[in-house]
């Protein structure tokens, strides 16, 4: 873990996460936000009803690895997200499926943060899934993403 101990704060919805932390993380869609790590305050925000134990492990992995919220290199962004998911999966067996998470990563890569376009974003996600040795269920979700 990092030098300081991380605080875990449960919130009722994404709006309850401080605006500064959301802006720094380039959060675009609050309705899908289940958790967020704020490195500035060493606080892990988890949204009641959306964040299961796997989300806590996912965000804790980002904190432990000191992943930048949005790395400059889009390949690193995709890889960091899937590494964090894989860590959570190994710890909890969840998430069994990640289609919605893949769609979020794809939107950040294709349109929001990196503006790579649809095809290149999907290619980067596929490369990251293979690199983390994703379970078969995640690869099935990736196939659905490709068709979407």
Protein backbone atom coordinates (compact mmCIF):
# COMPACT_ATOMS: atom_id res chain seq x y z
CA UNK A 1 0.00 0.00 0.00
CA UNK A 2 1.00 3.67 -0.21
CA UNK A 3 2.89 5.51 2.50
CA UNK A 4 -0.26 6.77 4.22
CA UNK A 5 -3.28 4.71 5.13
CA UNK A 6 -6.23 5.11 2.83
CA UNK A 7 -9.60 6.12 4.27
CA UNK A 8 -12.74 4.46 2.96
CA UNK A 9 -15.80 6.68 2.76
CA UNK A 10 -19.22 5.38 1.72
CA UNK A 11 -21.43 7.85 -0.14
CA UNK A 12 -25.04 7.69 -1.32
CA UNK A 13 -24.29 8.58 -4.95
CA UNK A 14 -21.59 9.92 -7.24
CA UNK A 15 -22.63 13.52 -6.51
CA UNK A 16 -21.53 13.00 -2.91
CA UNK A 17 -17.92 12.52 -4.06
CA UNK A 18 -16.16 15.89 -3.90
CA UNK A 19 -16.26 17.75 -7.22
CA UNK A 20 -12.49 18.28 -7.17
CA UNK A 21 -11.89 14.51 -7.03
CA UNK A 22 -14.43 13.86 -9.82
CA UNK A 23 -12.94 16.56 -12.03
CA UNK A 24 -9.41 15.30 -11.52
CA UNK A 25 -10.60 11.81 -12.51
CA UNK A 26 -12.43 13.17 -15.56
CA UNK A 27 -15.64 11.46 -14.47
CA UNK A 28 -18.26 11.96 -17.16
CA UNK A 29 -21.19 9.83 -16.06
CA UNK A 30 -22.19 9.88 -12.39
CA UNK A 31 -24.92 7.26 -12.75
CA UNK A 32 -22.31 4.54 -13.45
CA UNK A 33 -19.81 5.68 -10.83
CA UNK A 34 -19.39 2.99 -8.16
CA UNK A 35 -16.05 4.00 -6.70
CA UNK A 36 -13.25 6.52 -6.99
CA UNK A 37 -9.82 6.81 -5.43
CA UNK A 38 -8.75 10.35 -4.50
CA UNK A 39 -4.97 10.30 -4.16
CA UNK A 40 -4.86 13.91 -2.89
CA UNK A 41 -6.80 13.03 0.26
CA UNK A 42 -5.94 9.29 0.39
CA UNK A 43 -9.66 8.56 0.33
CA UNK A 44 -11.46 5.75 -1.43
CA UNK A 45 -15.08 6.72 -2.14
CA UNK A 46 -17.56 3.86 -2.58
CA UNK A 47 -21.17 4.35 -3.66
CA UNK A 48 -23.76 2.46 -1.60
CA UNK A 49 -25.76 0.02 -3.68
CA UNK A 50 -23.28 0.08 -6.58
CA UNK A 51 -19.92 -0.77 -5.04
CA UNK A 52 -19.46 -4.38 -4.09
CA UNK A 53 -16.35 -5.80 -2.48
CA UNK A 54 -14.75 -6.17 -5.90
CA UNK A 55 -15.04 -2.39 -6.53
CA UNK A 56 -13.20 -1.75 -3.27
CA UNK A 57 -10.41 -4.11 -4.36
CA UNK A 58 -10.35 -2.53 -7.84
CA UNK A 59 -9.90 0.99 -6.44
CA UNK A 60 -7.46 -0.21 -3.79
CA UNK A 61 -5.31 -1.69 -6.56
CA UNK A 62 -5.16 1.70 -8.30
CA UNK A 63 -4.18 3.27 -4.99
CA UNK A 64 -1.51 0.67 -4.22
CA UNK A 65 0.00 0.92 -7.70
CA UNK A 66 -0.34 4.71 -7.70
CA UNK A 67 -1.96 4.61 -11.12
CA UNK A 68 -2.54 8.08 -12.52
CA UNK A 69 -6.26 8.79 -12.74
CA UNK A 70 -6.04 9.21 -16.51
CA UNK A 71 -2.58 8.20 -17.81
CA UNK A 72 -1.24 10.11 -20.79
CA UNK A 73 -0.89 6.92 -22.77
CA UNK A 74 -4.32 5.44 -23.58
CA UNK A 75 -2.84 1.94 -23.72
CA UNK A 76 -1.82 2.32 -20.07
CA UNK A 77 -5.31 3.50 -19.16
CA UNK A 78 -6.91 0.37 -20.64
CA UNK A 79 -4.30 -1.88 -19.05
CA UNK A 80 -4.57 -0.26 -15.60
CA UNK A 81 -8.35 -0.63 -15.59
CA UNK A 82 -8.19 -4.30 -16.54
CA UNK A 83 -5.31 -5.03 -14.16
CA UNK A 84 -7.40 -3.57 -11.34
CA UNK A 85 -10.38 -5.69 -12.42
CA UNK A 86 -8.18 -8.79 -12.57
CA UNK A 87 -6.83 -8.11 -9.08
CA UNK A 88 -10.40 -7.79 -7.76
CA UNK A 89 -11.43 -10.93 -9.64
CA UNK A 90 -8.59 -12.94 -8.09
CA UNK A 91 -9.52 -11.66 -4.63
CA UNK A 92 -13.31 -12.04 -4.83
CA UNK A 93 -14.28 -13.98 -7.95
CA UNK A 94 -16.05 -10.81 -9.11
CA UNK A 95 -16.78 -9.27 -11.50
CA UNK A 96 -17.82 -12.34 -13.43
CA UNK A 97 -18.83 -10.11 -16.35
CA UNK A 98 -17.47 -6.69 -17.23
CA UNK A 99 -19.41 -5.57 -20.30
CA UNK A 100 -20.59 -2.31 -18.70
CA UNK A 101 -17.08 -1.58 -17.46
CA UNK A 102 -15.67 -2.32 -20.92
CA UNK A 103 -18.20 0.09 -22.42
CA UNK A 104 -17.06 2.79 -20.00
CA UNK A 105 -13.39 2.22 -20.80
CA UNK A 106 -14.26 2.19 -24.51
CA UNK A 107 -16.14 5.51 -24.23
CA UNK A 108 -13.20 7.14 -22.43
CA UNK A 109 -10.77 5.82 -25.03
CA UNK A 110 -12.89 6.49 -28.10
CA UNK A 111 -14.62 9.77 -27.26
CA UNK A 112 -14.20 11.32 -23.82
CA UNK A 113 -10.61 11.54 -22.65
CA UNK A 114 -8.45 10.12 -25.44
CA UNK A 115 -10.59 10.58 -28.58
CA UNK A 116 -9.01 7.61 -30.38
CA UNK A 117 -12.11 6.62 -32.32
CA UNK A 118 -14.21 3.50 -31.97
CA UNK A 119 -12.00 0.95 -33.73
CA UNK A 120 -8.66 1.86 -32.11
CA UNK A 121 -10.28 1.93 -28.66
CA UNK A 122 -11.64 -1.59 -29.13
CA UNK A 123 -8.24 -2.83 -30.29
CA UNK A 124 -6.53 -1.43 -27.17
CA UNK A 125 -9.11 -3.07 -24.92
CA UNK A 126 -8.58 -6.42 -26.64
CA UNK A 127 -4.82 -6.13 -26.19
CA UNK A 128 -5.23 -5.30 -22.50
CA UNK A 129 -7.61 -8.23 -21.96
CA UNK A 130 -5.08 -10.62 -23.48
CA UNK A 131 -2.24 -9.10 -21.47
CA UNK A 132 -4.03 -9.64 -18.14
CA UNK A 133 -5.08 -13.14 -19.22
CA UNK A 134 -8.74 -12.29 -18.76
CA UNK A 135 -11.19 -15.08 -17.93
CA UNK A 136 -13.34 -16.47 -20.72
CA UNK A 137 -16.46 -14.64 -19.51
CA UNK A 138 -14.66 -11.31 -19.96
CA UNK A 139 -13.58 -12.31 -23.47
CA UNK A 140 -17.23 -13.09 -24.24
CA UNK A 141 -18.11 -9.61 -22.99
CA UNK A 142 -15.41 -8.19 -25.28
CA UNK A 143 -17.01 -9.96 -28.25
CA UNK A 144 -20.30 -8.29 -27.32
CA UNK A 145 -18.50 -4.94 -27.13
CA UNK A 146 -17.12 -5.49 -30.63
CA UNK A 147 -20.66 -6.04 -31.93
CA UNK A 148 -22.12 -3.10 -30.02
